[in-house]
């Protein structure tokens, strides 16, 4: 799921951007949650993660640039897209690492191109997300949220930190190539995320949440070395 926020003190404009974003992701069969905020102060009270933020620069009280500075200082890592009536104001956008800007009135073709670039960037961020295809639907699952992957009868089950289980059809060999170095295939049916490994004993990996994952005899020796290497890399 992708979380999108639209912040504009013009209610009509906020609604128009929300609709364009909803139409774009619907066409891509990607599940989204889109929130609308009518001021910077209202946005700053929002505590959930935002993946993509559309932010109006010219707003009353607290403008978009100041709102963006505060968000970045708080650790906001999402894609920031400014909405503005003046092209000149976008030069300040470098300061807050804006991804792009859209000039009012927003052209549909310009919006489409921006969103295609954003989606491509999100999908190519190999260290960050796994693109899951379920029929005609797509979903981005952050690596950080995957505790382990289980394969049963040609179906992959992603066990997430939220206790949700995402299932879809794929081969473990294909899945393994899409994941990064934090994942280890400890068994023909399991890939585990080493950052959630709590202990290892008697060919059993004990994961966060209490799940016990078998480690095959063929992979047990390699597994010990992988654990040591992973711990060393995390200390660097």
Protein backbone atom coordinates (compact mmCIF):
# COMPACT_ATOMS: atom_id res chain seq x y z
CA UNK A 1 0.00 0.00 0.00
CA UNK A 2 1.18 3.52 -0.85
CA UNK A 3 0.23 6.39 1.47
CA UNK A 4 -0.34 9.71 -0.29
CA UNK A 5 -0.97 13.11 1.33
CA UNK A 6 -2.25 16.26 -0.36
CA UNK A 7 -1.81 19.57 1.48
CA UNK A 8 -3.36 22.68 -0.08
CA UNK A 9 -5.41 25.42 1.56
CA UNK A 10 -7.63 25.60 -1.53
CA UNK A 11 -10.18 22.87 -0.97
CA UNK A 12 -11.02 22.60 -4.67
CA UNK A 13 -7.35 22.19 -5.66
CA UNK A 14 -6.73 19.63 -2.90
CA UNK A 15 -9.70 17.61 -4.15
CA UNK A 16 -8.53 17.83 -7.76
CA UNK A 17 -5.04 16.56 -6.91
CA UNK A 18 -6.51 13.76 -4.80
CA UNK A 19 -8.68 12.66 -7.72
CA UNK A 20 -5.77 12.71 -10.19
CA UNK A 21 -3.63 10.67 -7.79
CA UNK A 22 -6.46 8.19 -7.15
CA UNK A 23 -7.11 7.78 -10.88
CA UNK A 24 -3.41 7.22 -11.60
CA UNK A 25 -2.91 4.51 -8.98
CA UNK A 26 -6.24 2.86 -9.82
CA UNK A 27 -5.04 2.50 -13.41
CA UNK A 28 -1.87 0.85 -12.08
CA UNK A 29 -3.90 -1.46 -9.81
CA UNK A 30 -1.95 -0.24 -6.80
CA UNK A 31 -3.68 0.07 -3.44
CA UNK A 32 -3.43 3.54 -1.89
CA UNK A 33 -4.65 5.61 1.03
CA UNK A 34 -4.93 9.32 0.18
CA UNK A 35 -5.31 11.91 2.94
CA UNK A 36 -6.14 15.60 2.41
CA UNK A 37 -4.93 18.45 4.64
CA UNK A 38 -5.96 22.09 4.29
CA UNK A 39 -3.01 23.63 6.15
CA UNK A 40 0.59 22.95 7.04
CA UNK A 41 -0.26 22.84 10.74
CA UNK A 42 -2.89 20.19 10.11
CA UNK A 43 -0.40 18.12 8.12
CA UNK A 44 2.25 18.34 10.85
CA UNK A 45 -0.17 16.74 13.32
CA UNK A 46 -0.43 13.63 11.13
CA UNK A 47 1.64 10.82 12.65
CA UNK A 48 1.43 8.05 10.03
CA UNK A 49 4.01 7.40 7.33
CA UNK A 50 3.65 9.36 4.07
CA UNK A 51 5.19 7.92 0.90
CA UNK A 52 4.23 10.73 -1.51
CA UNK A 53 3.36 14.29 -0.47
CA UNK A 54 1.81 16.94 -2.70
CA UNK A 55 2.42 20.26 -0.93
CA UNK A 56 1.20 23.72 -1.93
CA UNK A 57 3.92 26.35 -1.49
CA UNK A 58 1.69 29.44 -1.16
CA UNK A 59 -0.49 28.78 1.88
CA UNK A 60 -1.73 31.13 4.59
CA UNK A 61 -0.19 31.10 8.07
CA UNK A 62 2.49 28.43 7.48
CA UNK A 63 3.58 28.13 3.85
CA UNK A 64 4.59 24.91 2.16
CA UNK A 65 8.31 25.57 2.24
CA UNK A 66 8.37 26.02 6.01
CA UNK A 67 6.14 22.97 6.42
CA UNK A 68 8.57 20.94 4.28
CA UNK A 69 11.58 22.11 6.33
CA UNK A 70 9.92 20.94 9.54
CA UNK A 71 8.94 17.59 8.00
CA UNK A 72 12.48 16.96 6.77
CA UNK A 73 13.93 17.85 10.16
CA UNK A 74 11.55 15.30 11.68
CA UNK A 75 12.88 12.64 9.34
CA UNK A 76 10.33 12.63 6.51
CA UNK A 77 11.84 10.46 3.73
CA UNK A 78 8.98 10.42 1.24
CA UNK A 79 8.69 11.89 -2.25
CA UNK A 80 7.91 15.62 -2.01
CA UNK A 81 6.11 17.25 -4.94
CA UNK A 82 5.43 20.97 -4.68
CA UNK A 83 2.34 22.65 -6.10
CA UNK A 84 2.83 26.31 -7.00
CA UNK A 85 1.58 29.21 -9.12
CA UNK A 86 5.06 30.74 -9.46
CA UNK A 87 7.93 28.86 -11.06
CA UNK A 88 10.45 31.14 -9.33
CA UNK A 89 9.63 29.72 -5.91
CA UNK A 90 10.84 26.24 -6.84
CA UNK A 91 14.50 27.23 -6.55
CA UNK A 92 14.10 26.89 -2.79
CA UNK A 93 12.90 23.34 -3.34
CA UNK A 94 16.47 22.02 -3.47
CA UNK A 95 16.83 22.86 0.20
CA UNK A 96 14.13 20.37 1.18
CA UNK A 97 14.97 17.73 -1.45
CA UNK A 98 11.80 18.13 -3.49
CA UNK A 99 11.35 15.48 -6.17
CA UNK A 100 9.38 17.66 -8.58
CA UNK A 101 6.93 20.56 -8.79
CA UNK A 102 3.61 21.10 -10.54
CA UNK A 103 2.46 24.54 -11.67
CA UNK A 104 -1.20 25.53 -11.23
CA UNK A 105 -3.43 24.94 -13.09
CA UNK A 106 -2.06 21.40 -13.18
CA UNK A 107 -2.08 19.77 -16.59
CA UNK A 108 -3.15 16.13 -16.64
CA UNK A 109 -0.28 15.13 -18.94
CA UNK A 110 2.30 16.82 -16.68
CA UNK A 111 0.83 15.12 -13.61
CA UNK A 112 0.89 11.76 -15.37
CA UNK A 113 4.58 12.09 -16.31
CA UNK A 114 5.55 13.11 -12.78
CA UNK A 115 3.71 10.16 -11.26
CA UNK A 116 5.21 7.71 -13.73
CA UNK A 117 8.68 8.90 -12.69
CA UNK A 118 7.82 8.64 -8.99
CA UNK A 119 6.44 5.12 -9.37
CA UNK A 120 9.48 4.03 -11.39
CA UNK A 121 11.77 5.41 -8.67
CA UNK A 122 9.85 3.56 -5.98
CA UNK A 123 9.90 0.31 -7.89
CA UNK A 124 13.60 0.54 -8.72
CA UNK A 125 14.57 1.14 -5.12
CA UNK A 126 15.68 -2.47 -4.79
CA UNK A 127 16.91 -2.09 -1.20
CA UNK A 128 13.57 -0.72 -0.10
CA UNK A 129 10.62 -2.52 -1.62
CA UNK A 130 9.37 -5.78 -3.08
CA UNK A 131 6.86 -5.37 -5.90
CA UNK A 132 4.17 -8.02 -5.41
CA UNK A 133 1.87 -8.93 -8.31
CA UNK A 134 -1.48 -10.49 -7.41
CA UNK A 135 -3.48 -11.01 -10.58
CA UNK A 136 -4.15 -7.54 -11.94
CA UNK A 137 -3.14 -5.84 -8.68
CA UNK A 138 0.30 -4.61 -7.60
CA UNK A 139 1.61 -3.75 -4.16
CA UNK A 140 4.91 -2.44 -2.81
CA UNK A 141 6.03 -4.21 0.38
CA UNK A 142 9.02 -2.61 2.19
CA UNK A 143 11.83 -5.06 2.98
CA UNK A 144 11.85 -3.62 6.51
CA UNK A 145 8.40 -5.10 7.09
CA UNK A 146 9.21 -8.66 6.01
CA UNK A 147 10.23 -11.00 8.86
CA UNK A 148 10.40 -14.12 6.71
CA UNK A 149 9.08 -15.61 3.49
CA UNK A 150 7.52 -19.06 3.29
CA UNK A 151 6.83 -21.03 0.12
CA UNK A 152 4.01 -23.60 0.09
CA UNK A 153 2.82 -25.28 -3.13
CA UNK A 154 4.19 -22.61 -5.52
CA UNK A 155 2.74 -19.82 -3.40
CA UNK A 156 4.78 -17.25 -1.46
CA UNK A 157 3.64 -16.11 1.98
CA UNK A 158 5.27 -12.91 3.28
CA UNK A 159 5.06 -12.70 7.07
CA UNK A 160 5.14 -9.02 8.02
CA UNK A 161 5.92 -7.09 11.20
CA UNK A 162 2.29 -5.92 11.24
CA UNK A 163 1.24 -9.62 11.63
CA UNK A 164 -0.27 -9.45 8.15
CA UNK A 165 0.48 -12.28 5.72
CA UNK A 166 0.68 -11.35 2.04
CA UNK A 167 0.37 -14.27 -0.37
CA UNK A 168 0.96 -14.45 -4.12
CA UNK A 169 2.28 -16.89 -6.73
CA UNK A 170 6.03 -16.96 -7.42
CA UNK A 171 9.01 -19.28 -7.27
CA UNK A 172 11.48 -19.01 -4.42
CA UNK A 173 14.32 -18.72 -6.94
CA UNK A 174 12.71 -15.60 -8.42
CA UNK A 175 11.95 -14.13 -5.01
CA UNK A 176 15.54 -14.66 -3.87
CA UNK A 177 16.91 -12.53 -6.73
CA UNK A 178 14.62 -9.62 -5.79
CA UNK A 179 15.73 -9.42 -2.16
CA UNK A 180 18.92 -7.90 -0.75
CA UNK A 181 21.74 -9.13 1.52
CA UNK A 182 19.71 -9.04 4.71
CA UNK A 183 17.75 -12.09 3.49
CA UNK A 184 19.08 -15.64 3.63
CA UNK A 185 17.59 -18.81 2.18
CA UNK A 186 18.01 -21.16 5.12
CA UNK A 187 15.76 -23.89 3.77
CA UNK A 188 14.21 -24.85 0.45
CA UNK A 189 10.94 -23.34 1.68
CA UNK A 190 12.12 -20.36 3.74
CA UNK A 191 13.89 -17.03 3.31
CA UNK A 192 14.49 -15.12 6.54
CA UNK A 193 15.27 -11.47 7.21
CA UNK A 194 18.43 -11.50 9.36
CA UNK A 195 17.52 -8.24 11.07
CA UNK A 196 14.68 -10.13 12.81
CA UNK A 197 16.78 -13.16 13.78
CA UNK A 198 16.94 -13.39 17.57
CA UNK A 199 18.93 -16.61 18.03
CA UNK A 200 20.11 -19.75 16.26
CA UNK A 201 20.46 -23.19 17.82
CA UNK A 202 20.28 -26.82 16.70
CA UNK A 203 19.48 -25.96 13.08
CA UNK A 204 16.61 -23.71 14.13
CA UNK A 205 16.38 -19.96 13.56
CA UNK A 206 14.35 -18.20 16.25
CA UNK A 207 12.71 -15.12 14.78
CA UNK A 208 11.17 -12.05 16.34
CA UNK A 209 7.60 -12.85 17.30
CA UNK A 210 8.47 -16.38 18.37
CA UNK A 211 8.40 -18.14 15.00
CA UNK A 212 10.90 -21.00 14.65
CA UNK A 213 12.31 -21.57 11.16
CA UNK A 214 14.18 -24.77 10.21
CA UNK A 215 17.69 -24.47 8.78
CA UNK A 216 18.65 -27.33 6.50
CA UNK A 217 21.83 -29.32 7.17
CA UNK A 218 23.26 -28.28 3.81
CA UNK A 219 22.88 -24.59 4.69
CA UNK A 220 23.69 -24.64 8.40
CA UNK A 221 27.45 -24.14 7.99
CA UNK A 222 26.97 -21.30 5.50
CA UNK A 223 24.32 -19.80 7.77
CA UNK A 224 26.77 -19.38 10.66
CA UNK A 225 29.14 -17.45 8.41
CA UNK A 226 26.33 -15.31 6.99
CA UNK A 227 25.20 -14.35 10.51
CA UNK A 228 28.72 -13.30 11.51
CA UNK A 229 29.19 -11.29 8.31
CA UNK A 230 25.83 -9.58 8.71
CA UNK A 231 26.56 -8.61 12.33
CA UNK A 232 29.96 -7.23 11.30
CA UNK A 233 28.48 -5.16 8.49
CA UNK A 234 25.86 -3.69 10.82
CA UNK A 235 28.58 -2.54 13.21
CA UNK A 236 30.46 -0.68 10.47
